[in-house]
N, C-alpha and C. Protein backbone atom coordinates (compact mmCIF):
# COMPACT_ATOMS: atom_id res chain seq x y z
N MET A 1 32.37 198.06 87.39
CA MET A 1 32.75 197.22 88.52
C MET A 1 32.35 195.77 88.25
N GLY A 2 31.09 195.54 87.80
CA GLY A 2 30.62 194.18 87.54
C GLY A 2 31.43 193.47 86.49
N VAL A 3 31.81 194.20 85.43
CA VAL A 3 32.61 193.60 84.36
C VAL A 3 33.97 193.18 84.89
N GLY A 4 34.55 194.00 85.75
CA GLY A 4 35.85 193.67 86.34
C GLY A 4 35.78 192.41 87.20
N VAL A 5 34.71 192.29 87.97
CA VAL A 5 34.54 191.12 88.82
C VAL A 5 34.39 189.86 87.97
N VAL A 6 33.56 189.97 86.90
CA VAL A 6 33.37 188.82 86.01
C VAL A 6 34.69 188.47 85.34
N GLY A 7 35.43 189.48 84.86
CA GLY A 7 36.73 189.23 84.23
C GLY A 7 37.70 188.57 85.18
N PHE A 8 37.73 189.04 86.43
CA PHE A 8 38.62 188.43 87.43
C PHE A 8 38.22 186.99 87.69
N ALA A 9 36.91 186.77 87.87
CA ALA A 9 36.43 185.41 88.13
C ALA A 9 36.73 184.50 86.96
N TRP A 10 36.54 185.00 85.73
CA TRP A 10 36.77 184.18 84.54
C TRP A 10 38.25 183.82 84.42
N SER A 11 39.13 184.77 84.68
CA SER A 11 40.56 184.49 84.50
C SER A 11 41.07 183.47 85.50
N GLY A 12 40.43 183.38 86.66
CA GLY A 12 40.89 182.45 87.67
C GLY A 12 40.16 181.12 87.67
N CYS A 13 39.20 180.96 86.77
CA CYS A 13 38.38 179.76 86.79
C CYS A 13 38.82 178.74 85.75
N SER A 14 38.81 177.52 86.15
CA SER A 14 39.09 176.42 85.25
C SER A 14 37.76 175.73 84.96
N ILE A 15 37.44 175.56 83.69
CA ILE A 15 36.18 174.92 83.32
C ILE A 15 36.10 173.51 83.90
N GLU A 16 37.21 172.82 83.92
CA GLU A 16 37.23 171.46 84.43
C GLU A 16 36.93 171.42 85.93
N LYS A 17 37.40 172.40 86.68
CA LYS A 17 37.23 172.40 88.13
C LYS A 17 35.94 173.09 88.59
N HIS A 18 35.46 174.06 87.82
CA HIS A 18 34.35 174.90 88.28
C HIS A 18 33.17 174.90 87.32
N TYR A 19 32.91 173.78 86.67
CA TYR A 19 31.84 173.72 85.68
C TYR A 19 30.48 174.11 86.26
N GLU A 20 30.12 173.58 87.41
CA GLU A 20 28.79 173.85 87.97
C GLU A 20 28.60 175.33 88.26
N LEU A 21 29.60 175.98 88.82
CA LEU A 21 29.51 177.40 89.13
C LEU A 21 29.44 178.23 87.84
N LEU A 22 30.32 177.94 86.89
CA LEU A 22 30.34 178.70 85.65
C LEU A 22 29.05 178.52 84.86
N SER A 23 28.53 177.31 84.80
CA SER A 23 27.31 177.07 84.03
C SER A 23 26.09 177.70 84.70
N PHE A 24 26.16 177.95 86.01
CA PHE A 24 25.07 178.63 86.70
C PHE A 24 24.98 180.09 86.23
N PHE A 25 26.13 180.74 86.04
CA PHE A 25 26.16 182.15 85.67
C PHE A 25 26.20 182.40 84.17
N PHE A 26 26.74 181.47 83.39
CA PHE A 26 26.93 181.68 81.96
C PHE A 26 26.25 180.59 81.15
N ASP A 27 25.50 180.99 80.13
CA ASP A 27 24.90 180.02 79.20
C ASP A 27 25.97 179.51 78.26
N GLY A 28 25.84 178.26 77.84
CA GLY A 28 26.73 177.72 76.82
C GLY A 28 28.06 177.21 77.32
N VAL A 29 28.26 177.09 78.63
CA VAL A 29 29.52 176.55 79.13
C VAL A 29 29.48 175.04 78.89
N PRO A 30 30.41 174.53 78.08
CA PRO A 30 30.37 173.09 77.78
C PRO A 30 30.74 172.24 78.99
N ASN A 31 30.05 171.13 79.13
CA ASN A 31 30.33 170.19 80.20
C ASN A 31 31.64 169.48 79.87
N PRO A 32 32.67 169.61 80.68
CA PRO A 32 33.96 168.99 80.36
C PRO A 32 33.90 167.46 80.35
N ASN A 33 32.85 166.89 80.91
CA ASN A 33 32.71 165.44 80.93
C ASN A 33 31.82 164.92 79.82
N ALA A 34 31.29 165.82 78.98
CA ALA A 34 30.34 165.41 77.94
C ALA A 34 31.02 164.70 76.78
N LEU A 35 32.25 165.04 76.47
CA LEU A 35 32.97 164.42 75.36
C LEU A 35 34.18 163.68 75.90
N PRO A 36 34.61 162.66 75.20
CA PRO A 36 35.76 161.90 75.69
C PRO A 36 37.04 162.73 75.71
N VAL A 37 37.83 162.57 76.75
CA VAL A 37 39.08 163.32 76.83
C VAL A 37 40.16 162.71 75.94
N THR A 38 39.94 161.52 75.44
CA THR A 38 40.94 160.88 74.59
C THR A 38 40.84 161.31 73.14
N GLY A 39 39.74 161.93 72.75
CA GLY A 39 39.57 162.31 71.37
C GLY A 39 39.36 161.10 70.48
N SER A 40 38.84 160.04 71.06
CA SER A 40 38.65 158.81 70.30
C SER A 40 37.31 158.19 70.64
N ALA A 41 36.57 157.86 69.62
CA ALA A 41 35.28 157.21 69.85
C ALA A 41 35.45 155.72 70.11
N GLY A 42 36.59 155.15 69.78
CA GLY A 42 36.76 153.71 69.89
C GLY A 42 37.89 153.25 70.78
N GLY A 43 38.52 154.11 71.53
CA GLY A 43 39.61 153.71 72.40
C GLY A 43 40.96 153.89 71.73
N PHE A 44 42.01 153.74 72.52
CA PHE A 44 43.36 154.02 72.03
C PHE A 44 43.82 153.10 70.91
N GLU A 45 43.38 151.84 70.92
CA GLU A 45 43.84 150.92 69.88
C GLU A 45 43.37 151.32 68.49
N SER A 46 42.20 151.95 68.39
CA SER A 46 41.71 152.37 67.07
C SER A 46 42.01 153.83 66.76
N LEU A 47 42.51 154.55 67.73
CA LEU A 47 42.79 155.97 67.58
C LEU A 47 43.67 156.27 66.37
N ARG A 48 44.79 155.63 66.29
CA ARG A 48 45.76 155.91 65.22
C ARG A 48 45.37 155.33 63.87
N ASP A 49 44.36 154.45 63.85
CA ASP A 49 43.87 153.91 62.58
C ASP A 49 42.84 154.80 61.94
N SER A 50 42.42 155.84 62.62
CA SER A 50 41.40 156.73 62.10
C SER A 50 41.93 157.49 60.88
N PRO A 51 41.12 157.64 59.84
CA PRO A 51 41.57 158.40 58.66
C PRO A 51 41.75 159.89 58.96
N THR A 52 41.21 160.37 60.07
CA THR A 52 41.36 161.77 60.44
C THR A 52 42.26 161.96 61.67
N TYR A 53 43.10 160.97 61.96
CA TYR A 53 43.99 161.01 63.12
C TYR A 53 44.85 162.27 63.10
N SER A 54 45.02 162.88 64.27
CA SER A 54 45.92 164.02 64.41
C SER A 54 46.64 163.89 65.75
N ALA A 55 47.83 164.47 65.80
CA ALA A 55 48.62 164.40 67.04
C ALA A 55 49.38 165.71 67.23
N HIS A 56 49.62 166.03 68.47
CA HIS A 56 50.37 167.23 68.85
C HIS A 56 51.85 166.91 68.73
N ARG A 57 52.59 167.74 68.04
CA ARG A 57 54.00 167.47 67.76
C ARG A 57 54.83 167.21 69.02
N PRO A 58 54.74 168.01 70.09
CA PRO A 58 55.54 167.69 71.28
C PRO A 58 55.23 166.31 71.86
N PHE A 59 53.99 165.87 71.77
CA PHE A 59 53.61 164.55 72.25
C PHE A 59 54.29 163.47 71.41
N LEU A 60 54.24 163.62 70.10
CA LEU A 60 54.87 162.63 69.22
C LEU A 60 56.38 162.58 69.42
N ASP A 61 56.97 163.74 69.68
CA ASP A 61 58.42 163.83 69.87
C ASP A 61 58.85 163.52 71.30
N GLU A 62 57.89 163.10 72.14
CA GLU A 62 58.13 162.77 73.54
C GLU A 62 58.78 163.93 74.30
N GLN A 63 58.34 165.14 74.01
CA GLN A 63 58.82 166.33 74.69
C GLN A 63 57.79 166.77 75.73
N CYS A 64 57.55 165.90 76.68
CA CYS A 64 56.51 166.11 77.69
C CYS A 64 56.73 167.41 78.46
N SER A 65 57.98 167.75 78.71
CA SER A 65 58.29 168.94 79.51
C SER A 65 57.91 170.24 78.81
N GLU A 66 57.59 170.19 77.53
CA GLU A 66 57.13 171.39 76.84
C GLU A 66 55.80 171.86 77.43
N CYS A 67 55.00 170.93 77.93
CA CYS A 67 53.69 171.28 78.50
C CYS A 67 53.57 170.92 79.98
N HIS A 68 54.20 169.83 80.36
CA HIS A 68 54.14 169.36 81.75
C HIS A 68 55.39 169.81 82.48
N THR A 69 55.21 170.39 83.68
CA THR A 69 56.35 170.93 84.42
C THR A 69 57.24 169.86 85.03
N SER A 70 56.70 168.67 85.24
CA SER A 70 57.48 167.60 85.83
C SER A 70 57.26 166.32 85.04
N GLN A 71 58.32 165.62 84.73
CA GLN A 71 58.17 164.37 83.99
C GLN A 71 57.53 163.29 84.84
N PHE A 72 57.47 163.51 86.15
CA PHE A 72 56.89 162.52 87.05
C PHE A 72 55.42 162.82 87.36
N SER A 73 54.90 163.92 86.84
CA SER A 73 53.52 164.29 87.09
C SER A 73 52.63 163.76 85.98
N THR A 74 51.56 163.10 86.37
CA THR A 74 50.60 162.62 85.38
C THR A 74 49.33 163.46 85.40
N SER A 75 49.35 164.52 86.21
CA SER A 75 48.16 165.36 86.27
C SER A 75 48.05 166.20 85.01
N GLY A 76 46.82 166.58 84.73
CA GLY A 76 46.56 167.38 83.54
C GLY A 76 47.07 168.80 83.72
N VAL A 77 47.05 169.53 82.64
CA VAL A 77 47.45 170.93 82.68
C VAL A 77 46.27 171.77 82.22
N SER A 78 46.30 173.04 82.54
CA SER A 78 45.23 173.94 82.10
C SER A 78 45.54 174.40 80.68
N ALA A 79 44.56 175.01 80.06
CA ALA A 79 44.75 175.51 78.70
C ALA A 79 45.76 176.65 78.64
N ASP A 80 46.09 177.23 79.79
CA ASP A 80 47.09 178.30 79.81
C ASP A 80 48.42 177.84 79.20
N VAL A 81 48.73 176.57 79.37
CA VAL A 81 49.99 176.06 78.84
C VAL A 81 50.01 176.10 77.31
N CYS A 82 48.85 176.06 76.69
CA CYS A 82 48.77 176.13 75.22
C CYS A 82 49.33 177.46 74.71
N MET A 83 49.17 178.50 75.53
CA MET A 83 49.61 179.84 75.12
C MET A 83 51.13 179.97 75.07
N ASN A 84 51.85 179.01 75.64
CA ASN A 84 53.31 179.05 75.54
C ASN A 84 53.77 179.01 74.09
N CYS A 85 53.04 178.30 73.24
CA CYS A 85 53.39 178.20 71.82
C CYS A 85 52.35 178.84 70.91
N HIS A 86 51.11 178.91 71.36
CA HIS A 86 50.02 179.38 70.51
C HIS A 86 49.45 180.72 71.00
N ASP A 87 50.31 181.60 71.51
CA ASP A 87 49.84 182.85 72.10
C ASP A 87 49.20 183.81 71.11
N ASP A 88 49.47 183.64 69.82
CA ASP A 88 48.88 184.52 68.82
C ASP A 88 47.46 184.11 68.42
N VAL A 89 47.07 182.88 68.72
CA VAL A 89 45.77 182.37 68.26
C VAL A 89 44.58 183.18 68.77
N PRO A 90 44.48 183.53 70.05
CA PRO A 90 43.28 184.23 70.54
C PRO A 90 43.03 185.60 69.92
N THR A 91 44.01 186.17 69.24
CA THR A 91 43.84 187.51 68.65
C THR A 91 44.20 187.53 67.18
N SER A 92 44.26 186.36 66.54
CA SER A 92 44.79 186.28 65.18
C SER A 92 43.81 186.68 64.08
N LEU A 93 42.53 186.77 64.39
CA LEU A 93 41.54 187.06 63.35
C LEU A 93 40.72 188.30 63.71
N GLU A 94 40.08 188.85 62.70
CA GLU A 94 39.28 190.06 62.89
C GLU A 94 38.17 189.84 63.92
N ARG A 95 37.46 188.72 63.81
CA ARG A 95 36.41 188.35 64.75
C ARG A 95 36.76 186.99 65.33
N MET A 96 36.80 186.91 66.64
CA MET A 96 37.23 185.68 67.30
C MET A 96 36.04 184.97 67.95
N HIS A 97 36.06 183.66 67.88
CA HIS A 97 35.08 182.82 68.58
C HIS A 97 35.35 182.98 70.07
N GLY A 98 34.33 183.14 70.87
CA GLY A 98 34.47 183.42 72.30
C GLY A 98 35.43 182.50 73.05
N PRO A 99 35.27 181.17 72.96
CA PRO A 99 36.18 180.29 73.69
C PRO A 99 37.64 180.42 73.24
N VAL A 100 37.85 180.72 71.97
CA VAL A 100 39.21 180.89 71.46
C VAL A 100 39.81 182.16 72.04
N ALA A 101 39.05 183.24 72.01
CA ALA A 101 39.53 184.51 72.55
C ALA A 101 39.83 184.40 74.04
N ALA A 102 39.09 183.55 74.74
CA ALA A 102 39.31 183.36 76.18
C ALA A 102 40.41 182.35 76.48
N GLY A 103 40.97 181.72 75.45
CA GLY A 103 42.02 180.73 75.66
C GLY A 103 41.50 179.41 76.21
N ALA A 104 40.25 179.07 75.91
CA ALA A 104 39.65 177.84 76.41
C ALA A 104 39.86 176.70 75.41
N CYS A 105 41.10 176.43 75.07
CA CYS A 105 41.46 175.44 74.06
C CYS A 105 40.89 174.06 74.34
N LEU A 106 40.90 173.66 75.60
CA LEU A 106 40.52 172.31 75.97
C LEU A 106 39.01 172.08 75.95
N TRP A 107 38.23 173.09 75.65
CA TRP A 107 36.80 172.88 75.45
C TRP A 107 36.57 172.07 74.19
N CYS A 108 37.43 172.27 73.21
CA CYS A 108 37.25 171.64 71.89
C CYS A 108 38.36 170.67 71.52
N HIS A 109 39.55 170.92 72.00
CA HIS A 109 40.72 170.13 71.60
C HIS A 109 41.25 169.27 72.74
N VAL A 110 41.92 168.17 72.35
CA VAL A 110 42.64 167.34 73.31
C VAL A 110 44.13 167.64 73.14
N PRO A 111 44.92 167.47 74.18
CA PRO A 111 46.31 167.90 74.11
C PRO A 111 47.30 166.92 73.46
N HIS A 112 46.98 165.66 73.33
CA HIS A 112 47.97 164.69 72.84
C HIS A 112 47.69 164.19 71.43
N GLU A 113 46.67 163.35 71.30
CA GLU A 113 46.33 162.81 69.99
C GLU A 113 44.83 162.56 69.92
N SER A 114 44.32 162.55 68.69
CA SER A 114 42.88 162.43 68.50
C SER A 114 42.58 161.63 67.24
N ALA A 115 41.45 160.98 67.24
CA ALA A 115 40.97 160.29 66.04
C ALA A 115 40.39 161.30 65.06
N PHE A 116 40.28 162.55 65.48
CA PHE A 116 39.66 163.59 64.67
C PHE A 116 40.68 164.66 64.30
N ALA A 117 40.47 165.29 63.16
CA ALA A 117 41.37 166.32 62.67
C ALA A 117 41.51 167.46 63.68
N SER A 118 42.64 168.13 63.63
CA SER A 118 42.93 169.30 64.47
C SER A 118 42.82 169.02 65.96
N LEU A 119 43.07 167.80 66.36
CA LEU A 119 43.03 167.40 67.77
C LEU A 119 41.67 167.67 68.41
N LEU A 120 40.59 167.59 67.63
CA LEU A 120 39.26 167.79 68.20
C LEU A 120 38.89 166.63 69.12
N LYS A 121 38.07 166.91 70.12
CA LYS A 121 37.61 165.88 71.06
C LYS A 121 36.70 164.86 70.40
N GLU A 122 35.97 165.30 69.39
CA GLU A 122 34.94 164.48 68.75
C GLU A 122 34.72 165.06 67.37
N LYS A 123 33.79 164.52 66.61
CA LYS A 123 33.44 165.10 65.32
C LYS A 123 33.02 166.55 65.54
N PRO A 124 33.29 167.42 64.54
CA PRO A 124 32.98 168.84 64.73
C PRO A 124 31.55 169.14 65.18
N ARG A 125 30.57 168.44 64.64
CA ARG A 125 29.18 168.71 65.02
C ARG A 125 28.97 168.47 66.52
N ALA A 126 29.59 167.45 67.07
CA ALA A 126 29.47 167.16 68.51
C ALA A 126 30.21 168.20 69.34
N VAL A 127 31.38 168.61 68.88
CA VAL A 127 32.15 169.63 69.61
C VAL A 127 31.38 170.94 69.63
N CYS A 128 30.91 171.37 68.48
CA CYS A 128 30.15 172.62 68.40
C CYS A 128 28.85 172.53 69.19
N GLY A 129 28.26 171.34 69.24
CA GLY A 129 27.01 171.11 69.94
C GLY A 129 27.12 171.23 71.45
N GLN A 130 28.33 171.31 71.97
CA GLN A 130 28.49 171.54 73.41
C GLN A 130 27.87 172.87 73.81
N CYS A 131 27.97 173.86 72.94
CA CYS A 131 27.44 175.20 73.22
C CYS A 131 26.30 175.59 72.29
N HIS A 132 26.41 175.21 71.02
CA HIS A 132 25.43 175.60 70.01
C HIS A 132 24.43 174.46 69.82
N GLU A 133 23.36 174.49 70.59
CA GLU A 133 22.37 173.42 70.55
C GLU A 133 21.65 173.39 69.21
N GLN A 134 21.41 172.20 68.69
CA GLN A 134 20.78 172.00 67.40
C GLN A 134 19.46 172.75 67.29
N GLY A 135 18.65 172.75 68.33
CA GLY A 135 17.34 173.39 68.29
C GLY A 135 17.40 174.90 68.16
N LEU A 136 18.54 175.50 68.46
CA LEU A 136 18.68 176.95 68.37
C LEU A 136 19.19 177.41 67.00
N LEU A 137 19.60 176.48 66.15
CA LEU A 137 20.10 176.84 64.83
C LEU A 137 18.94 177.06 63.87
N ASN A 138 19.03 178.11 63.07
CA ASN A 138 17.97 178.44 62.12
C ASN A 138 18.03 177.48 60.94
N THR A 139 17.04 176.60 60.85
CA THR A 139 17.01 175.63 59.75
C THR A 139 16.18 176.11 58.56
N SER A 140 15.35 177.13 58.76
CA SER A 140 14.57 177.64 57.62
C SER A 140 15.45 178.47 56.69
N LYS A 141 16.34 179.28 57.24
CA LYS A 141 17.25 180.07 56.41
C LYS A 141 18.46 179.25 55.97
N VAL A 142 18.85 178.30 56.80
CA VAL A 142 20.03 177.49 56.50
C VAL A 142 19.65 176.01 56.63
N PRO A 143 19.13 175.42 55.55
CA PRO A 143 18.70 174.01 55.60
C PRO A 143 19.81 173.05 56.01
N ALA A 144 21.05 173.39 55.75
CA ALA A 144 22.17 172.51 56.11
C ALA A 144 22.24 172.27 57.62
N HIS A 145 21.73 173.20 58.42
CA HIS A 145 21.73 173.02 59.89
C HIS A 145 20.89 171.82 60.31
N ALA A 146 19.89 171.47 59.53
CA ALA A 146 19.02 170.34 59.86
C ALA A 146 19.60 169.00 59.42
N ASP A 147 20.60 169.03 58.55
CA ASP A 147 21.20 167.81 58.01
C ASP A 147 22.22 167.26 59.00
N GLU A 148 21.86 166.19 59.70
CA GLU A 148 22.72 165.60 60.74
C GLU A 148 24.04 165.05 60.20
N THR A 149 24.11 164.83 58.89
CA THR A 149 25.35 164.29 58.32
C THR A 149 26.37 165.38 58.02
N ARG A 150 25.94 166.64 58.02
CA ARG A 150 26.84 167.75 57.73
C ARG A 150 27.66 168.09 58.97
N GLN A 151 28.88 168.54 58.76
CA GLN A 151 29.73 168.97 59.86
C GLN A 151 29.86 170.49 59.83
N CYS A 152 29.84 171.13 60.96
CA CYS A 152 29.86 172.59 61.06
C CYS A 152 31.05 173.22 60.33
N LEU A 153 32.19 172.55 60.40
CA LEU A 153 33.40 173.12 59.80
C LEU A 153 33.41 173.05 58.28
N GLU A 154 32.40 172.45 57.68
CA GLU A 154 32.27 172.49 56.23
C GLU A 154 31.95 173.91 55.78
N CYS A 155 31.22 174.66 56.59
CA CYS A 155 30.80 176.02 56.23
C CYS A 155 31.40 177.10 57.12
N HIS A 156 31.79 176.74 58.34
CA HIS A 156 32.27 177.73 59.31
C HIS A 156 33.72 177.44 59.72
N TYR A 157 34.45 178.53 60.00
CA TYR A 157 35.77 178.39 60.63
C TYR A 157 35.55 178.26 62.13
N GLY A 158 36.32 177.43 62.80
CA GLY A 158 36.13 177.21 64.23
C GLY A 158 36.71 178.29 65.12
N HIS A 159 37.80 178.90 64.73
CA HIS A 159 38.47 179.88 65.58
C HIS A 159 37.95 181.30 65.39
N GLY A 160 37.41 181.60 64.24
CA GLY A 160 36.92 182.94 63.98
C GLY A 160 37.00 183.24 62.50
N GLY A 161 36.89 184.50 62.16
CA GLY A 161 36.94 184.87 60.76
C GLY A 161 36.69 186.34 60.56
N THR A 162 36.17 186.69 59.39
CA THR A 162 35.89 188.10 59.09
C THR A 162 34.40 188.40 59.16
N SER A 163 33.54 187.38 59.13
CA SER A 163 32.10 187.60 59.23
C SER A 163 31.60 187.15 60.60
N SER A 164 30.41 187.62 60.96
CA SER A 164 29.90 187.33 62.30
C SER A 164 29.63 185.84 62.53
N TYR A 165 29.41 185.08 61.48
CA TYR A 165 29.17 183.65 61.64
C TYR A 165 30.38 182.82 61.23
N PHE A 166 31.51 183.45 61.03
CA PHE A 166 32.77 182.78 60.68
C PHE A 166 32.61 181.90 59.45
N LEU A 167 31.82 182.38 58.47
CA LEU A 167 31.55 181.59 57.27
C LEU A 167 32.78 181.48 56.39
N ARG A 168 32.96 180.30 55.83
CA ARG A 168 34.01 180.08 54.84
C ARG A 168 33.55 180.73 53.53
N PRO A 169 34.46 181.19 52.70
CA PRO A 169 34.07 181.86 51.45
C PRO A 169 33.18 181.00 50.55
N ASP A 170 33.35 179.70 50.57
CA ASP A 170 32.56 178.83 49.70
C ASP A 170 31.32 178.25 50.40
N ALA A 171 30.91 178.81 51.53
CA ALA A 171 29.79 178.26 52.31
C ALA A 171 28.48 178.29 51.53
N LYS A 172 28.21 179.31 50.73
CA LYS A 172 26.94 179.38 49.99
C LYS A 172 26.82 178.23 49.01
N ARG A 173 27.94 177.81 48.41
CA ARG A 173 27.90 176.69 47.48
C ARG A 173 27.57 175.40 48.21
N ALA A 174 27.87 175.34 49.50
CA ALA A 174 27.63 174.12 50.26
C ALA A 174 26.17 173.99 50.69
N GLN A 175 25.37 175.06 50.54
CA GLN A 175 23.98 175.02 50.94
C GLN A 175 23.14 174.28 49.92
N PRO A 176 22.17 173.44 50.35
CA PRO A 176 21.27 172.79 49.40
C PRO A 176 20.54 173.83 48.56
N GLY A 177 20.39 173.56 47.30
CA GLY A 177 19.71 174.49 46.39
C GLY A 177 20.62 175.55 45.81
N ASN A 178 21.84 175.68 46.33
CA ASN A 178 22.78 176.69 45.85
C ASN A 178 23.98 176.04 45.19
N GLN A 179 23.84 174.83 44.72
CA GLN A 179 24.95 174.12 44.10
C GLN A 179 25.32 174.75 42.77
N GLU A 180 26.59 174.94 42.56
CA GLU A 180 27.06 175.42 41.27
C GLU A 180 27.19 174.24 40.33
N PRO A 181 26.91 174.45 39.03
CA PRO A 181 27.01 173.32 38.08
C PRO A 181 28.41 172.79 37.94
């Protein structure tokens, strides 16, 4: 019964609208206001000059109606609209990252364009840090976790993978002390 209630509540909740309630009951719910919604650290004028600039194809092609129901509406859309084209993503891998499996695309990605690769809201370390706090990462077993210059996606896949930590096959080589000649 409890699982059904939680599932029902989760399916009807928008992180943007119900952050305080969700964060009261669930650990690790990212604050939707913590990262910029533009996906740019320097504003729109510098957005497209970024070496890691990315954009959503319907946005570039001015196909607003692919995601927005009315061309006259400037209101945002929920992540549910992402499933119109990306419905296979939440179940595409053997082990799925929780927010991906739940269809919470907008926790990490922006819908139009970003200064960061893969339409991320911010650098990967900042995006991952919304839920995975630096102090909770094991730095004795994985020294790379302590290196503030490293990005999480250097060693981990963001959407999921075959291992419990979504490690990339070459992740061991990326660890200090494990460099191959």
